[in-house]
Amino acid sequence: MEDQEKRKFSRAHFHGNGVLLKGSVQYPVQVEDLSLRGVLISCDQHLQLHEEVRFHLILTHSDIVIETEGVVVHKHGREYGIKFTLVDAEGMIHLRSIMEYNTEDFSGIENELFFLKN
């Protein structure tokens, strides 16, 4: 079974910039893909599995920054998968918009939101 078939949440190939915050230190990161439940980033900063982090997704050409908290759930080289543990309501609205714009399955996104809510 392929990874995409195992996933409960759709992933959008969304390339952008973000900031990883560890304490008061900020590290620039590149976003490789995104879901309602997490993000795949690449960065030079070394992260540990199960490490709790704060992540800010910076939307280009706007003043919108989606602030999240999460935990590192996998790593491969310079790439790290972060599972969101906290996203505020406004951030979730923006994530939903990004997902709807970058995926073909709008009803799937609705189902994922229902799953998150319950």
Protein backbone atom coordinates (compact mmCIF):
# COMPACT_ATOMS: atom_id res chain seq x y z
CA MET A 1 0.00 0.00 0.00
CA GLU A 2 1.38 3.39 -0.96
CA ASP A 3 1.80 6.18 1.62
CA GLN A 4 -0.98 8.26 0.05
CA GLU A 5 -3.42 5.33 0.38
CA LYS A 6 -2.59 4.96 4.09
CA ARG A 7 -3.14 8.65 4.81
CA LYS A 8 -6.36 9.87 6.37
CA PHE A 9 -5.56 13.44 5.33
CA SER A 10 -4.92 14.74 1.84
CA ARG A 11 -1.59 16.42 1.21
CA ALA A 12 -1.12 19.39 -1.07
CA HIS A 13 2.17 20.02 -2.81
CA PHE A 14 2.58 23.49 -1.39
CA HIS A 15 5.99 25.09 -1.53
CA GLY A 16 6.53 28.10 0.65
CA ASN A 17 8.42 29.58 3.54
CA GLY A 18 8.02 29.00 7.21
CA VAL A 19 9.70 29.57 10.52
CA LEU A 20 10.45 26.94 13.11
CA LEU A 21 10.63 28.29 16.65
CA LYS A 22 12.63 26.56 19.35
CA GLY A 23 12.50 28.63 22.49
CA SER A 24 13.21 32.20 21.44
CA VAL A 25 15.28 31.17 18.40
CA GLN A 26 13.76 31.21 14.90
CA TYR A 27 14.96 29.01 12.04
CA PRO A 28 13.89 29.52 8.41
CA VAL A 29 12.43 26.42 6.75
CA GLN A 30 11.06 25.44 3.36
CA VAL A 31 7.59 23.92 3.19
CA GLU A 32 7.47 20.87 0.90
CA ASP A 33 3.84 19.84 1.38
CA LEU A 34 0.94 20.51 3.68
CA SER A 35 -2.20 18.92 5.10
CA LEU A 36 -4.85 19.91 7.61
CA ARG A 37 -3.01 17.78 10.15
CA GLY A 38 0.64 18.55 9.48
CA VAL A 39 3.47 19.78 7.30
CA LEU A 40 6.60 18.43 5.65
CA ILE A 41 9.51 20.85 5.93
CA SER A 42 13.15 20.90 4.97
CA CYS A 43 15.67 22.75 7.10
CA ASP A 44 19.27 22.74 8.24
CA GLN A 45 18.32 22.69 11.92
CA HIS A 46 18.60 19.25 13.55
CA LEU A 47 15.35 18.08 15.12
CA GLN A 48 14.66 15.03 17.26
CA LEU A 49 11.74 12.66 16.80
CA HIS A 50 8.92 13.49 19.23
CA GLU A 51 10.35 16.98 19.77
CA GLU A 52 7.68 19.61 20.35
CA VAL A 53 8.01 22.67 18.12
CA ARG A 54 6.18 25.80 17.09
CA PHE A 55 5.82 26.36 13.37
CA HIS A 56 4.67 29.46 11.49
CA LEU A 57 3.60 29.19 7.86
CA ILE A 58 4.18 32.49 6.07
CA LEU A 59 1.82 33.09 3.17
CA THR A 60 3.60 34.95 0.39
CA HIS A 61 2.14 38.23 -0.85
CA SER A 62 -0.02 38.70 2.26
CA ASP A 63 0.34 39.52 5.91
CA ILE A 64 -1.11 36.13 6.94
CA VAL A 65 0.97 33.89 9.18
CA ILE A 66 -0.54 30.59 10.31
CA GLU A 67 0.80 29.82 13.78
CA THR A 68 0.83 26.19 14.89
CA GLU A 69 2.28 23.91 17.50
CA GLY A 70 3.31 20.39 16.67
CA VAL A 71 5.53 17.42 17.20
CA VAL A 72 8.18 15.91 14.92
CA VAL A 73 6.82 12.53 13.80
CA HIS A 74 9.35 11.53 11.15
CA LYS A 75 12.60 12.61 9.59
CA HIS A 76 14.55 11.72 6.50
CA GLY A 77 17.77 13.61 5.90
CA ARG A 78 16.91 17.32 6.04
CA GLU A 79 13.15 16.68 5.80
CA TYR A 80 10.93 16.55 8.85
CA GLY A 81 7.27 15.70 9.21
CA ILE A 82 5.48 17.76 11.84
CA LYS A 83 2.06 16.71 13.11
CA PHE A 84 0.01 19.68 14.25
CA THR A 85 -1.16 19.51 17.86
CA LEU A 86 -2.62 23.02 17.93
CA VAL A 87 -3.97 25.30 15.21
CA ASP A 88 -6.31 28.14 16.09
CA ALA A 89 -9.66 28.60 14.29
CA GLU A 90 -8.37 31.36 12.00
CA GLY A 91 -5.32 29.28 11.07
CA MET A 92 -7.53 26.29 10.27
CA ILE A 93 -9.67 28.46 7.97
CA HIS A 94 -6.53 29.48 6.07
CA LEU A 95 -5.27 25.88 5.92
CA ARG A 96 -8.63 24.79 4.56
CA SER A 97 -8.46 27.45 1.85
CA ILE A 98 -4.94 26.39 0.88
CA MET A 99 -6.00 22.74 0.71
CA GLU A 100 -9.10 23.48 -1.35
CA TYR A 101 -7.07 25.57 -3.79
CA ASN A 102 -4.30 22.97 -4.14
CA THR A 103 -6.27 19.70 -4.25
CA GLU A 104 -8.93 18.32 -6.55
CA ASP A 105 -11.09 16.62 -3.91
CA PHE A 106 -13.14 19.34 -2.19
CA SER A 107 -15.51 16.85 -0.54
CA GLY A 108 -12.51 15.00 0.88
CA ILE A 109 -11.36 18.19 2.60
CA GLU A 110 -14.84 18.56 4.14
CA ASN A 111 -14.66 14.97 5.42
CA GLU A 112 -11.23 15.63 6.90
CA LEU A 113 -12.52 18.72 8.72
CA PHE A 114 -15.41 16.66 10.10
CA PHE A 115 -12.93 14.01 11.26
CA LEU A 116 -10.79 16.65 13.01
CA LYS A 117 -13.81 18.17 14.73
CA ASN A 118 -15.00 14.85 16.15
